[in-house]
Amino acid sequence: MKIQKSKLYLYPAIIGLVLIFGILIYFFLVSVSVKEDIHYIYIDDDDTQDSVVNKIRPIASSTSIICLQNLLRHTGYKDHIKTGRYAINPGEGIVTIYRRLKNGQQSSLNLTIPESRTMDKLAAVLGKKLMLDSATIAEALHSQETCQKYGYDTCTIPAMFIPNTYDIYWNVSLDGFLERMKKEHDRFWNAERTVKTNFHGLTPNEVTTLASIIDEETANTEEKPMIAGMYMNRLKKKMPLQADPTVKFALKQFGLKRIYNKQLKTSSPYNTYVNVGLPPGPIKIASIKGIDAVLNAVNHEYLYMCAKEDFSGTHNFAKTYQEHLQNAAKYTKALNERGIK
């Protein structure tokens, strides 16, 4: 009778434990996210255990948040918070997410380097994409010491950046980011491009500088090798390039539609109207198509070009100055007729 009586109490206890265990399994394995798509949280240097939870809260059920808080609290997570960009996928349970956060198993992102006109603008874009502060990036790109570390100076540093999309971690360090960009630069300048660079008697930095000017001259990719050939001819004859984009860069007035004679006299090493040869560095982050246009410059005898009067974005080319003046007169007339100042 005593054995039967003990069993009478034992069965409910077992059932109770099974229920408790089942509830715990449910709470820890049930999907944290209530969304149907992937959500990313970004954990920064100043994040705390509570702020991490608050970043997850908007996409999580109230029950899963309570369970996550308890799990983090009783495992010492607050002392081992790791920065990064972490994915929370639909269907993932608390334990899976906890392990990801604890072990620093972050997700990379696709970072696109834009064809920025200045390093400050590049820094501003990067500051929105990476954990790095834009001011910190800008300071580094304006630091002679930092630039020299990678083989550049503050004028040539734009040449290190190849505008492409890269798989990178959000919390990459400044040194890690710059080292990655240098590595991608060296990979871009492969044997084929190096041979073409040497053929033209230029360095990769000089090719990139010329490409940056051509990029600003036209958005027409097909015309770029033609313009490159014209500038090559002027360089060989030691003629000033007389490229309007370099004046805009010197003035830091990139939106100018029309450049007057007094602006052509702007005192700046970047002004190719008053200086012979290439400017001291790129006037923007040159496009890949612009760089390849220089490397594949068309061989011709043109020395002058002027924007076409139809405002198509292409140019009239000329071999003589007299012919160029005629083209320039047509363009000036078109500007006046449209009232462009």
C-alpha atoms as a PDB file:
ATOM      1  CA  MET A   1       0.000   0.000   0.000  1.00  0.00           C
ATOM      2  CA  LYS A   2       2.874   2.358   0.862  1.00  0.00           C
ATOM      3  CA  ILE A   3       4.502   1.706  -2.550  1.00  0.00           C
ATOM      4  CA  GLN A   4       1.280   2.441  -4.370  1.00  0.00           C
ATOM      5  CA  LYS A   5       0.824   5.600  -2.319  1.00  0.00           C
ATOM      6  CA  SER A   6       4.350   6.846  -3.183  1.00  0.00           C
ATOM      7  CA  LYS A   7       3.685   6.220  -6.872  1.00  0.00           C
ATOM      8  CA  LEU A   8       0.558   8.274  -6.510  1.00  0.00           C
ATOM      9  CA  TYR A   9       2.730  11.288  -5.612  1.00  0.00           C
ATOM     10  CA  LEU A  10       5.552  10.434  -7.989  1.00  0.00           C
ATOM     11  CA  TYR A  11       3.567  10.465 -11.208  1.00  0.00           C
ATOM     12  CA  PRO A  12       2.248  14.023 -10.818  1.00  0.00           C
ATOM     13  CA  ALA A  13       5.766  15.213  -9.925  1.00  0.00           C
ATOM     14  CA  ILE A  14       7.184  13.627 -13.071  1.00  0.00           C
ATOM     15  CA  ILE A  15       4.409  15.079 -15.175  1.00  0.00           C
ATOM     16  CA  GLY A  16       5.053  18.491 -13.606  1.00  0.00           C
ATOM     17  CA  LEU A  17       8.761  18.305 -14.369  1.00  0.00           C
ATOM     18  CA  VAL A  18       8.063  17.241 -17.939  1.00  0.00           C
ATOM     19  CA  LEU A  19       5.689  20.161 -18.348  1.00  0.00           C
ATOM     20  CA  ILE A  20       8.212  22.607 -16.898  1.00  0.00           C
ATOM     21  CA  PHE A  21      10.959  21.175 -19.097  1.00  0.00           C
ATOM     22  CA  GLY A  22       8.690  21.365 -22.116  1.00  0.00           C
ATOM     23  CA  ILE A  23       7.804  24.966 -21.380  1.00  0.00           C
ATOM     24  CA  LEU A  24      11.492  25.854 -21.023  1.00  0.00           C
ATOM     25  CA  ILE A  25      12.312  24.148 -24.318  1.00  0.00           C
ATOM     26  CA  TYR A  26       9.466  25.986 -25.977  1.00  0.00           C
ATOM     27  CA  PHE A  27      10.571  29.372 -24.684  1.00  0.00           C
ATOM     28  CA  PHE A  28      14.221  28.830 -25.599  1.00  0.00           C
ATOM     29  CA  LEU A  29      13.628  27.281 -29.007  1.00  0.00           C
ATOM     30  CA  VAL A  30      10.650  29.266 -30.248  1.00  0.00           C
ATOM     31  CA  SER A  31      11.477  31.984 -32.779  1.00  0.00           C
ATOM     32  CA  VAL A  32      12.639  35.205 -31.184  1.00  0.00           C
ATOM     33  CA  SER A  33      11.780  37.360 -34.164  1.00  0.00           C
ATOM     34  CA  VAL A  34       8.165  38.024 -35.054  1.00  0.00           C
ATOM     35  CA  LYS A  35       9.232  39.348 -38.467  1.00  0.00           C
ATOM     36  CA  GLU A  36       9.346  37.395 -41.720  1.00  0.00           C
ATOM     37  CA  ASP A  37      12.685  38.785 -42.909  1.00  0.00           C
ATOM     38  CA  ILE A  38      16.226  39.021 -41.559  1.00  0.00           C
ATOM     39  CA  HIS A  39      16.866  41.766 -39.039  1.00  0.00           C
ATOM     40  CA  TYR A  40      20.313  43.119 -38.154  1.00  0.00           C
ATOM     41  CA  ILE A  41      21.399  44.664 -34.895  1.00  0.00           C
ATOM     42  CA  TYR A  42      24.561  46.735 -34.575  1.00  0.00           C
ATOM     43  CA  ILE A  43      26.465  46.477 -31.309  1.00  0.00           C
ATOM     44  CA  ASP A  44      28.820  49.375 -30.669  1.00  0.00           C
ATOM     45  CA  ASP A  45      31.624  50.000 -28.172  1.00  0.00           C
ATOM     46  CA  ASP A  46      29.325  51.790 -25.737  1.00  0.00           C
ATOM     47  CA  ASP A  47      26.546  49.207 -25.776  1.00  0.00           C
ATOM     48  CA  THR A  48      25.481  47.502 -22.545  1.00  0.00           C
ATOM     49  CA  GLN A  49      23.557  44.325 -21.880  1.00  0.00           C
ATOM     50  CA  ASP A  50      20.334  46.326 -21.596  1.00  0.00           C
ATOM     51  CA  SER A  51      20.956  48.332 -24.778  1.00  0.00           C
ATOM     52  CA  VAL A  52      21.606  45.116 -26.712  1.00  0.00           C
ATOM     53  CA  VAL A  53      18.273  43.737 -25.519  1.00  0.00           C
ATOM     54  CA  ASN A  54      16.569  47.016 -26.455  1.00  0.00           C
ATOM     55  CA  LYS A  55      17.935  46.706 -29.992  1.00  0.00           C
ATOM     56  CA  ILE A  56      16.313  43.282 -30.302  1.00  0.00           C
ATOM     57  CA  ARG A  57      13.072  44.223 -28.554  1.00  0.00           C
ATOM     58  CA  PRO A  58      11.302  45.886 -31.552  1.00  0.00           C
ATOM     59  CA  ILE A  59      11.279  42.661 -33.567  1.00  0.00           C
ATOM     60  CA  ALA A  60      10.861  40.141 -30.710  1.00  0.00           C
ATOM     61  CA  SER A  61       7.941  38.779 -28.737  1.00  0.00           C
ATOM     62  CA  SER A  62       7.656  39.918 -25.114  1.00  0.00           C
ATOM     63  CA  THR A  63       8.122  36.345 -23.858  1.00  0.00           C
ATOM     64  CA  SER A  64      11.333  35.787 -25.799  1.00  0.00           C
ATOM     65  CA  ILE A  65      12.725  39.084 -24.553  1.00  0.00           C
ATOM     66  CA  ILE A  66      12.146  38.051 -20.938  1.00  0.00           C
ATOM     67  CA  CYS A  67      13.875  34.730 -21.546  1.00  0.00           C
ATOM     68  CA  LEU A  68      16.766  36.409 -23.357  1.00  0.00           C
ATOM     69  CA  GLN A  69      17.245  38.919 -20.550  1.00  0.00           C
ATOM     70  CA  ASN A  70      17.447  36.107 -17.996  1.00  0.00           C
ATOM     71  CA  LEU A  71      19.860  34.085 -20.115  1.00  0.00           C
ATOM     72  CA  LEU A  72      22.174  37.069 -20.635  1.00  0.00           C
ATOM     73  CA  ARG A  73      21.970  38.044 -16.972  1.00  0.00           C
ATOM     74  CA  HIS A  74      22.894  34.587 -15.636  1.00  0.00           C
ATOM     75  CA  THR A  75      25.751  33.918 -18.092  1.00  0.00           C
ATOM     76  CA  GLY A  76      27.823  37.045 -17.499  1.00  0.00           C
ATOM     77  CA  TYR A  77      27.245  38.444 -20.987  1.00  0.00           C
ATOM     78  CA  LYS A  78      27.616  42.022 -19.743  1.00  0.00           C
ATOM     79  CA  ASP A  79      31.331  41.427 -19.196  1.00  0.00           C
ATOM     80  CA  HIS A  80      31.945  39.958 -22.663  1.00  0.00           C
ATOM     81  CA  ILE A  81      29.944  42.125 -25.094  1.00  0.00           C
ATOM     82  CA  LYS A  82      31.394  41.932 -28.607  1.00  0.00           C
ATOM     83  CA  THR A  83      30.821  44.627 -31.185  1.00  0.00           C
ATOM     84  CA  GLY A  84      29.549  43.795 -34.641  1.00  0.00           C
ATOM     85  CA  ARG A  85      26.626  43.430 -37.009  1.00  0.00           C
ATOM     86  CA  TYR A  86      24.505  40.460 -36.029  1.00  0.00           C
ATOM     87  CA  ALA A  87      21.727  38.791 -37.982  1.00  0.00           C
ATOM     88  CA  ILE A  88      18.506  37.634 -36.376  1.00  0.00           C
ATOM     89  CA  ASN A  89      16.808  35.246 -38.756  1.00  0.00           C
ATOM     90  CA  PRO A  90      13.151  34.211 -38.684  1.00  0.00           C
ATOM     91  CA  GLY A  91      12.714  30.949 -36.792  1.00  0.00           C
ATOM     92  CA  GLU A  92      15.884  31.238 -34.698  1.00  0.00           C
ATOM     93  CA  GLY A  93      15.561  30.567 -30.995  1.00  0.00           C
ATOM     94  CA  ILE A  94      17.034  32.379 -28.007  1.00  0.00           C
ATOM     95  CA  VAL A  95      19.916  29.935 -27.524  1.00  0.00           C
ATOM     96  CA  THR A  96      21.015  30.316 -31.157  1.00  0.00           C
ATOM     97  CA  ILE A  97      20.987  34.105 -30.944  1.00  0.00           C
ATOM     98  CA  TYR A  98      22.692  34.088 -27.562  1.00  0.00           C
ATOM     99  CA  ARG A  99      25.553  31.929 -28.854  1.00  0.00           C
ATOM    100  CA  ARG A 100      25.957  34.189 -31.867  1.00  0.00           C
ATOM    101  CA  LEU A 101      26.233  37.294 -29.696  1.00  0.00           C
ATOM    102  CA  LYS A 102      28.473  35.648 -27.111  1.00  0.00           C
ATOM    103  CA  ASN A 103      30.890  34.189 -29.704  1.00  0.00           C
ATOM    104  CA  GLY A 104      30.993  37.304 -31.888  1.00  0.00           C
ATOM    105  CA  GLN A 105      29.628  35.465 -34.929  1.00  0.00           C
ATOM    106  CA  GLN A 106      28.741  38.614 -36.820  1.00  0.00           C
ATOM    107  CA  SER A 107      27.566  39.044 -40.399  1.00  0.00           C
ATOM    108  CA  SER A 108      29.597  40.965 -42.958  1.00  0.00           C
ATOM    109  CA  LEU A 109      28.118  43.663 -45.167  1.00  0.00           C
ATOM    110  CA  ASN A 110      28.594  44.856 -48.743  1.00  0.00           C
ATOM    111  CA  LEU A 111      30.462  48.163 -48.640  1.00  0.00           C
ATOM    112  CA  THR A 112      30.494  50.212 -51.830  1.00  0.00           C
ATOM    113  CA  ILE A 113      33.286  52.763 -52.205  1.00  0.00           C
ATOM    114  CA  PRO A 114      31.739  55.743 -54.024  1.00  0.00           C
ATOM    115  CA  GLU A 115      33.451  57.982 -56.570  1.00  0.00           C
ATOM    116  CA  SER A 116      33.700  60.802 -54.015  1.00  0.00           C
ATOM    117  CA  ARG A 117      35.090  64.178 -55.031  1.00  0.00           C
ATOM    118  CA  THR A 118      36.809  64.774 -51.686  1.00  0.00           C
ATOM    119  CA  MET A 119      38.115  62.636 -48.851  1.00  0.00           C
ATOM    120  CA  ASP A 120      35.742  64.402 -46.456  1.00  0.00           C
ATOM    121  CA  LYS A 121      32.790  63.225 -48.528  1.00  0.00           C
ATOM    122  CA  LEU A 122      34.183  59.707 -48.620  1.00  0.00           C
ATOM    123  CA  ALA A 123      34.603  59.784 -44.836  1.00  0.00           C
ATOM    124  CA  ALA A 124      30.997  60.942 -44.434  1.00  0.00           C
ATOM    125  CA  VAL A 125      29.721  58.021 -46.508  1.00  0.00           C
ATOM    126  CA  LEU A 126      31.892  55.481 -44.684  1.00  0.00           C
ATOM    127  CA  GLY A 127      30.826  56.863 -41.319  1.00  0.00           C
ATOM    128  CA  LYS A 128      27.240  55.915 -42.162  1.00  0.00           C
ATOM    129  CA  LYS A 129      28.191  52.408 -43.282  1.00  0.00           C
ATOM    130  CA  LEU A 130      30.800  51.372 -40.691  1.00  0.00           C
ATOM    131  CA  MET A 131      31.240  51.569 -36.934  1.00  0.00           C
ATOM    132  CA  LEU A 132      34.078  54.020 -37.563  1.00  0.00           C
ATOM    133  CA  ASP A 133      33.358  57.678 -36.914  1.00  0.00           C
ATOM    134  CA  SER A 134      33.471  59.879 -40.034  1.00  0.00           C
ATOM    135  CA  ALA A 135      35.667  62.448 -38.266  1.00  0.00           C
ATOM    136  CA  THR A 136      38.197  59.734 -37.393  1.00  0.00           C
ATOM    137  CA  ILE A 137      38.313  58.564 -41.023  1.00  0.00           C
ATOM    138  CA  ALA A 138      38.654  62.114 -42.352  1.00  0.00           C
ATOM    139  CA  GLU A 139      41.452  62.887 -39.917  1.00  0.00           C
ATOM    140  CA  ALA A 140      43.369  59.816 -41.062  1.00  0.00           C
ATOM    141  CA  LEU A 141      42.955  60.650 -44.759  1.00  0.00           C
ATOM    142  CA  HIS A 142      44.248  64.165 -44.116  1.00  0.00           C
ATOM    143  CA  SER A 143      47.189  62.885 -42.072  1.00  0.00           C
ATOM    144  CA  GLN A 144      50.490  62.818 -43.919  1.00  0.00           C
ATOM    145  CA  GLU A 145      51.805  60.182 -41.519  1.00  0.00           C
ATOM    146  CA  THR A 146      48.847  57.856 -42.056  1.00  0.00           C
ATOM    147  CA  CYS A 147      48.908  58.259 -45.846  1.00  0.00           C
ATOM    148  CA  GLN A 148      52.650  57.579 -46.007  1.00  0.00           C
ATOM    149  CA  LYS A 149      52.085  54.360 -44.096  1.00  0.00           C
ATOM    150  CA  TYR A 150      50.321  53.022 -47.192  1.00  0.00           C
ATOM    151  CA  GLY A 151      52.637  54.591 -49.752  1.00  0.00           C
ATOM    152  CA  TYR A 152      50.733  57.827 -50.483  1.00  0.00           C
ATOM    153  CA  ASP A 153      50.500  61.439 -49.393  1.00  0.00           C
ATOM    154  CA  THR A 154      47.431  63.568 -48.677  1.00  0.00           C
ATOM    155  CA  CYS A 155      47.169  64.476 -52.376  1.00  0.00           C
ATOM    156  CA  THR A 156      47.534  60.998 -53.860  1.00  0.00           C
ATOM    157  CA  ILE A 157      45.565  59.025 -51.224  1.00  0.00           C
ATOM    158  CA  PRO A 158      42.364  59.065 -53.362  1.00  0.00           C
ATOM    159  CA  ALA A 159      44.228  56.823 -55.815  1.00  0.00           C
ATOM    160  CA  MET A 160      44.303  54.029 -53.233  1.00  0.00           C
ATOM    161  CA  PHE A 161      40.525  53.622 -53.349  1.00  0.00           C
ATOM    162  CA  ILE A 162      39.039  51.539 -56.134  1.00  0.00           C
ATOM    163  CA  PRO A 163      35.282  52.212 -56.391  1.00  0.00           C
ATOM    164  CA  ASN A 164      33.854  48.742 -56.041  1.00  0.00           C
ATOM    165  CA  THR A 165      31.756  46.719 -53.602  1.00  0.00           C
ATOM    166  CA  TYR A 166      33.595  44.804 -50.886  1.00  0.00           C
ATOM    167  CA  ASP A 167      32.551  42.211 -48.319  1.00  0.00           C
ATOM    168  CA  ILE A 168      33.688  43.633 -44.987  1.00  0.00           C
ATOM    169  CA  TYR A 169      32.815  43.602 -41.288  1.00  0.00           C
ATOM    170  CA  TRP A 170      30.922  46.582 -39.893  1.00  0.00           C
ATOM    171  CA  ASN A 171      33.237  46.894 -36.884  1.00  0.00           C
ATOM    172  CA  VAL A 172      36.474  46.831 -38.897  1.00  0.00           C
ATOM    173  CA  SER A 173      39.211  48.981 -37.349  1.00  0.00           C
ATOM    174  CA  LEU A 174      40.597  52.034 -39.130  1.00  0.00           C
ATOM    175  CA  ASP A 175      43.907  50.295 -39.815  1.00  0.00           C
ATOM    176  CA  GLY A 176      42.087  47.152 -40.903  1.00  0.00           C
ATOM    177  CA  PHE A 177      39.932  49.145 -43.323  1.00  0.00           C
ATOM    178  CA  LEU A 178      42.853  51.037 -44.873  1.00  0.00           C
ATOM    179  CA  GLU A 179      44.933  47.876 -45.156  1.00  0.00           C
ATOM    180  CA  ARG A 180      42.025  46.191 -46.924  1.00  0.00           C
ATOM    181  CA  MET A 181      41.712  49.084 -49.373  1.00  0.00           C
ATOM    182  CA  LYS A 182      45.449  48.927 -50.112  1.00  0.00           C
ATOM    183  CA  LYS A 183      45.201  45.180 -50.701  1.00  0.00           C
ATOM    184  CA  GLU A 184      42.250  45.667 -53.069  1.00  0.00           C
ATOM    185  CA  HIS A 185      44.182  48.410 -54.874  1.00  0.00           C
ATOM    186  CA  ASP A 186      47.181  46.128 -55.412  1.00  0.00           C
ATOM    187  CA  ARG A 187      44.899  43.351 -56.630  1.00  0.00           C
ATOM    188  CA  PHE A 188      43.247  45.735 -59.100  1.00  0.00           C
ATOM    189  CA  TRP A 189      46.595  46.785 -60.562  1.00  0.00           C
ATOM    190  CA  ASN A 190      47.292  43.362 -62.012  1.00  0.00           C
ATOM    191  CA  ALA A 191      49.962  42.454 -64.543  1.00  0.00           C
ATOM    192  CA  GLU A 192      47.854  43.473 -67.539  1.00  0.00           C
ATOM    193  CA  ARG A 193      47.109  46.956 -66.213  1.00  0.00           C
ATOM    194  CA  THR A 194      50.705  47.385 -65.058  1.00  0.00           C
ATOM    195  CA  VAL A 195      52.049  46.585 -68.540  1.00  0.00           C
ATOM    196  CA  LYS A 196      49.712  49.167 -70.094  1.00  0.00           C
ATOM    197  CA  THR A 197      50.689  51.728 -67.462  1.00  0.00           C
ATOM    198  CA  ASN A 198      54.375  51.259 -68.231  1.00  0.00           C
ATOM    199  CA  PHE A 199      53.668  51.474 -71.957  1.00  0.00           C
ATOM    200  CA  HIS A 200      52.256  54.978 -71.476  1.00  0.00           C
ATOM    201  CA  GLY A 201      55.190  55.987 -69.294  1.00  0.00           C
ATOM    202  CA  LEU A 202      52.953  56.701 -66.323  1.00  0.00           C
ATOM    203  CA  THR A 203      52.573  55.415 -62.767  1.00  0.00           C
ATOM    204  CA  PRO A 204      49.316  53.965 -61.399  1.00  0.00           C
ATOM    205  CA  ASN A 205      48.815  57.197 -59.416  1.00  0.00           C
ATOM    206  CA  GLU A 206      49.265  59.286 -62.568  1.00  0.00           C
ATOM    207  CA  VAL A 207      46.874  57.080 -64.524  1.00  0.00           C
ATOM    208  CA  THR A 208      44.314  57.440 -61.754  1.00  0.00           C
ATOM    209  CA  THR A 209      44.817  61.212 -61.609  1.00  0.00           C
ATOM    210  CA  LEU A 210      44.207  61.557 -65.345  1.00  0.00           C
ATOM    211  CA  ALA A 211      41.219  59.199 -65.096  1.00  0.00           C
ATOM    212  CA  SER A 212      39.693  61.377 -62.365  1.00  0.00           C
ATOM    213  CA  ILE A 213      39.831  64.389 -64.692  1.00  0.00           C
ATOM    214  CA  ILE A 214      38.280  62.436 -67.562  1.00  0.00           C
ATOM    215  CA  ASP A 215      35.488  61.182 -65.286  1.00  0.00           C
ATOM    216  CA  GLU A 216      34.589  64.797 -64.568  1.00  0.00           C
ATOM    217  CA  GLU A 217      34.788  65.773 -68.221  1.00  0.00           C
ATOM    218  CA  THR A 218      32.163  63.281 -69.362  1.00  0.00           C
ATOM    219  CA  ALA A 219      29.813  60.575 -68.190  1.00  0.00           C
ATOM    220  CA  ASN A 220      29.936  59.040 -71.656  1.00  0.00           C
ATOM    221  CA  THR A 221      32.001  55.885 -71.179  1.00  0.00           C
ATOM    222  CA  GLU A 222      32.545  55.359 -74.906  1.00  0.00           C
ATOM    223  CA  GLU A 223      34.119  58.811 -75.307  1.00  0.00           C
ATOM    224  CA  LYS A 224      36.552  58.495 -72.388  1.00  0.00           C
ATOM    225  CA  PRO A 225      39.357  56.705 -74.326  1.00  0.00           C
ATOM    226  CA  MET A 226      39.134  59.482 -76.933  1.00  0.00           C
ATOM    227  CA  ILE A 227      39.536  62.185 -74.298  1.00  0.00           C
ATOM    228  CA  ALA A 228      42.359  60.193 -72.707  1.00  0.00           C
ATOM    229  CA  GLY A 229      44.182  60.176 -76.057  1.00  0.00           C
ATOM    230  CA  MET A 230      43.842  63.952 -76.328  1.00  0.00           C
ATOM    231  CA  TYR A 231      45.276  64.530 -72.862  1.00  0.00           C
ATOM    232  CA  MET A 232      48.092  62.091 -73.581  1.00  0.00           C
ATOM    233  CA  ASN A 233      48.980  64.162 -76.649  1.00  0.00           C
ATOM    234  CA  ARG A 234      49.093  67.338 -74.568  1.00  0.00           C
ATOM    235  CA  LEU A 235      51.248  65.689 -71.910  1.00  0.00           C
ATOM    236  CA  LYS A 236      53.724  64.509 -74.541  1.00  0.00           C
ATOM    237  CA  LYS A 237      53.950  68.000 -76.007  1.00  0.00           C
ATOM    238  CA  LYS A 238      54.232  69.508 -72.490  1.00  0.00           C
ATOM    239  CA  MET A 239      51.124  71.570 -73.104  1.00  0.00           C
ATOM    240  CA  PRO A 240      48.886  72.544 -70.167  1.00  0.00           C
ATOM    241  CA  LEU A 241      45.962  70.138 -69.944  1.00  0.00           C
ATOM    242  CA  GLN A 242      43.565  73.082 -69.515  1.00  0.00           C
ATOM    243  CA  ALA A 243      40.926  70.847 -67.954  1.00  0.00           C
ATOM    244  CA  ASP A 244      37.965  72.749 -66.529  1.00  0.00           C
ATOM    245  CA  PRO A 245      37.271  70.123 -63.801  1.00  0.00           C
ATOM    246  CA  THR A 246      40.646  70.916 -62.216  1.00  0.00           C
ATOM    247  CA  VAL A 247      39.585  74.559 -61.860  1.00  0.00           C
ATOM    248  CA  LYS A 248      36.350  73.503 -60.195  1.00  0.00           C
ATOM    249  CA  PHE A 249      38.344  71.308 -57.836  1.00  0.00           C
ATOM    250  CA  ALA A 250      40.750  74.137 -57.035  1.00  0.00           C
ATOM    251  CA  LEU A 251      37.798  76.421 -56.262  1.00  0.00           C
ATOM    252  CA  LYS A 252      35.867  73.630 -54.511  1.00  0.00           C
ATOM    253  CA  GLN A 253      32.872  74.703 -56.608  1.00  0.00           C
ATOM    254  CA  PHE A 254      31.853  71.457 -58.265  1.00  0.00           C
ATOM    255  CA  GLY A 255      28.509  72.701 -59.508  1.00  0.00           C
ATOM    256  CA  LEU A 256      29.851  75.406 -61.822  1.00  0.00           C
ATOM    257  CA  LYS A 257      28.170  75.308 -65.224  1.00  0.00           C
ATOM    258  CA  ARG A 258      30.359  77.973 -66.760  1.00  0.00           C
ATOM    259  CA  ILE A 259      33.942  78.984 -66.021  1.00  0.00           C
ATOM    260  CA  TYR A 260      35.141  82.527 -66.704  1.00  0.00           C
ATOM    261  CA  ASN A 261      38.645  83.781 -67.546  1.00  0.00           C
ATOM    262  CA  LYS A 262      39.298  85.133 -64.052  1.00  0.00           C
ATOM    263  CA  GLN A 263      38.586  81.667 -62.609  1.00  0.00           C
ATOM    264  CA  LEU A 264      41.020  80.091 -65.057  1.00  0.00           C
ATOM    265  CA  LYS A 265      43.762  82.090 -63.324  1.00  0.00           C
ATOM    266  CA  THR A 266      43.040  80.583 -59.902  1.00  0.00           C
ATOM    267  CA  SER A 267      46.275  80.001 -58.036  1.00  0.00           C
ATOM    268  CA  SER A 268      46.376  76.303 -57.165  1.00  0.00           C
ATOM    269  CA  PRO A 269      48.638  73.342 -57.957  1.00  0.00           C
ATOM    270  CA  TYR A 270      45.474  71.625 -59.210  1.00  0.00           C
ATOM    271  CA  ASN A 271      44.702  74.290 -61.830  1.00  0.00           C
ATOM    272  CA  THR A 272      45.879  72.808 -65.136  1.00  0.00           C
ATOM    273  CA  TYR A 273      45.433  76.140 -66.893  1.00  0.00           C
ATOM    274  CA  VAL A 274      48.328  77.705 -64.964  1.00  0.00           C
ATOM    275  CA  ASN A 275      50.392  74.554 -64.407  1.00  0.00           C
ATOM    276  CA  VAL A 276      51.867  72.156 -66.949  1.00  0.00           C
ATOM    277  CA  GLY A 277      51.421  68.446 -66.415  1.00  0.00           C
ATOM    278  CA  LEU A 278      49.142  66.512 -64.101  1.00  0.00           C
ATOM    279  CA  PRO A 279      47.878  67.931 -60.812  1.00  0.00           C
ATOM    280  CA  PRO A 280      49.455  66.568 -57.597  1.00  0.00           C
ATOM    281  CA  GLY A 281      46.759  63.942 -57.212  1.00  0.00           C
ATOM    282  CA  PRO A 282      43.295  62.792 -58.319  1.00  0.00           C
ATOM    283  CA  ILE A 283      40.454  65.317 -58.178  1.00  0.00           C
ATOM    284  CA  LYS A 284      38.092  62.521 -57.183  1.00  0.00           C
ATOM    285  CA  ILE A 285      38.086  58.781 -56.668  1.00  0.00           C
ATOM    286  CA  ALA A 286      38.442  57.711 -60.276  1.00  0.00           C
ATOM    287  CA  SER A 287      36.066  55.176 -61.783  1.00  0.00           C
ATOM    288  CA  ILE A 288      37.315  51.818 -63.002  1.00  0.00           C
ATOM    289  CA  LYS A 289      36.044  52.691 -66.480  1.00  0.00           C
ATOM    290  CA  GLY A 290      37.954  55.964 -66.316  1.00  0.00           C
ATOM    291  CA  ILE A 291      41.179  54.197 -65.349  1.00  0.00           C
ATOM    292  CA  ASP A 292      40.772  51.612 -68.098  1.00  0.00           C
ATOM    293  CA  ALA A 293      40.004  54.412 -70.564  1.00  0.00           C
ATOM    294  CA  VAL A 294      43.418  55.927 -69.854  1.00  0.00           C
ATOM    295  CA  LEU A 295      45.115  52.561 -70.186  1.00  0.00           C
ATOM    296  CA  ASN A 296      43.322  52.028 -73.508  1.00  0.00           C
ATOM    297  CA  ALA A 297      43.595  55.600 -74.780  1.00  0.00           C
ATOM    298  CA  VAL A 298      42.801  56.107 -78.471  1.00  0.00           C
ATOM    299  CA  ASN A 299      45.825  57.043 -80.564  1.00  0.00           C
ATOM    300  CA  HIS A 300      44.957  60.188 -82.578  1.00  0.00           C
ATOM    301  CA  GLU A 301      46.288  63.696 -83.261  1.00  0.00           C
ATOM    302  CA  TYR A 302      43.679  65.826 -81.491  1.00  0.00           C
ATOM    303  CA  LEU A 303      44.946  68.446 -79.035  1.00  0.00           C
ATOM    304  CA  TYR A 304      41.749  70.299 -78.170  1.00  0.00           C
ATOM    305  CA  MET A 305      38.191  69.527 -77.210  1.00  0.00           C
ATOM    306  CA  CYS A 306      35.114  71.522 -76.331  1.00  0.00           C
ATOM    307  CA  ALA A 307      31.706  70.450 -75.095  1.00  0.00           C
ATOM    308  CA  LYS A 308      29.214  70.051 -77.923  1.00  0.00           C
ATOM    309  CA  GLU A 309      26.660  72.811 -78.336  1.00  0.00           C
ATOM    310  CA  ASP A 310      23.809  70.284 -78.141  1.00  0.00           C
ATOM    311  CA  PHE A 311      24.625  69.642 -74.446  1.00  0.00           C
ATOM    312  CA  SER A 312      24.769  65.911 -75.100  1.00  0.00           C
ATOM    313  CA  GLY A 313      27.683  65.531 -72.704  1.00  0.00           C
ATOM    314  CA  THR A 314      30.059  64.675 -75.537  1.00  0.00           C
ATOM    315  CA  HIS A 315      32.729  66.823 -77.189  1.00  0.00           C
ATOM    316  CA  ASN A 316      33.957  68.293 -80.449  1.00  0.00           C
ATOM    317  CA  PHE A 317      37.655  67.522 -80.977  1.00  0.00           C
ATOM    318  CA  ALA A 318      40.132  69.645 -82.893  1.00  0.00           C
ATOM    319  CA  LYS A 319      43.708  69.341 -84.129  1.00  0.00           C
ATOM    320  CA  THR A 320      44.354  73.090 -84.408  1.00  0.00           C
ATOM    321  CA  TYR A 321      43.672  76.014 -82.097  1.00  0.00           C
ATOM    322  CA  GLN A 322      41.713  77.829 -84.824  1.00  0.00           C
ATOM    323  CA  GLU A 323      39.369  74.894 -85.228  1.00  0.00           C
ATOM    324  CA  HIS A 324      39.017  74.730 -81.454  1.00  0.00           C
ATOM    325  CA  LEU A 325      38.035  78.413 -81.289  1.00  0.00           C
ATOM    326  CA  GLN A 326      35.235  77.727 -83.753  1.00  0.00           C
ATOM    327  CA  ASN A 327      33.955  74.867 -81.589  1.00  0.00           C
ATOM    328  CA  ALA A 328      34.238  77.024 -78.478  1.00  0.00           C
ATOM    329  CA  ALA A 329      32.267  79.837 -80.135  1.00  0.00           C
ATOM    330  CA  LYS A 330      29.422  77.451 -80.924  1.00  0.00           C
ATOM    331  CA  TYR A 331      29.316  76.239 -77.340  1.00  0.00           C
ATOM    332  CA  THR A 332      29.461  79.776 -75.907  1.00  0.00           C
ATOM    333  CA  LYS A 333      26.582  80.821 -78.156  1.00  0.00           C
ATOM    334  CA  ALA A 334      24.531  77.847 -76.918  1.00  0.00           C
ATOM    335  CA  LEU A 335      25.257  78.809 -73.297  1.00  0.00           C
ATOM    336  CA  ASN A 336      24.162  82.402 -73.919  1.00  0.00           C
ATOM    337  CA  GLU A 337      20.988  81.321 -75.673  1.00  0.00           C
ATOM    338  CA  ARG A 338      20.059  79.179 -72.667  1.00  0.00           C
ATOM    339  CA  GLY A 339      20.993  81.910 -70.231  1.00  0.00           C
ATOM    340  CA  ILE A 340      23.496  79.681 -68.432  1.00  0.00           C
ATOM    341  CA  LYS A 341      25.901  81.668 -66.244  1.00  0.00           C
END
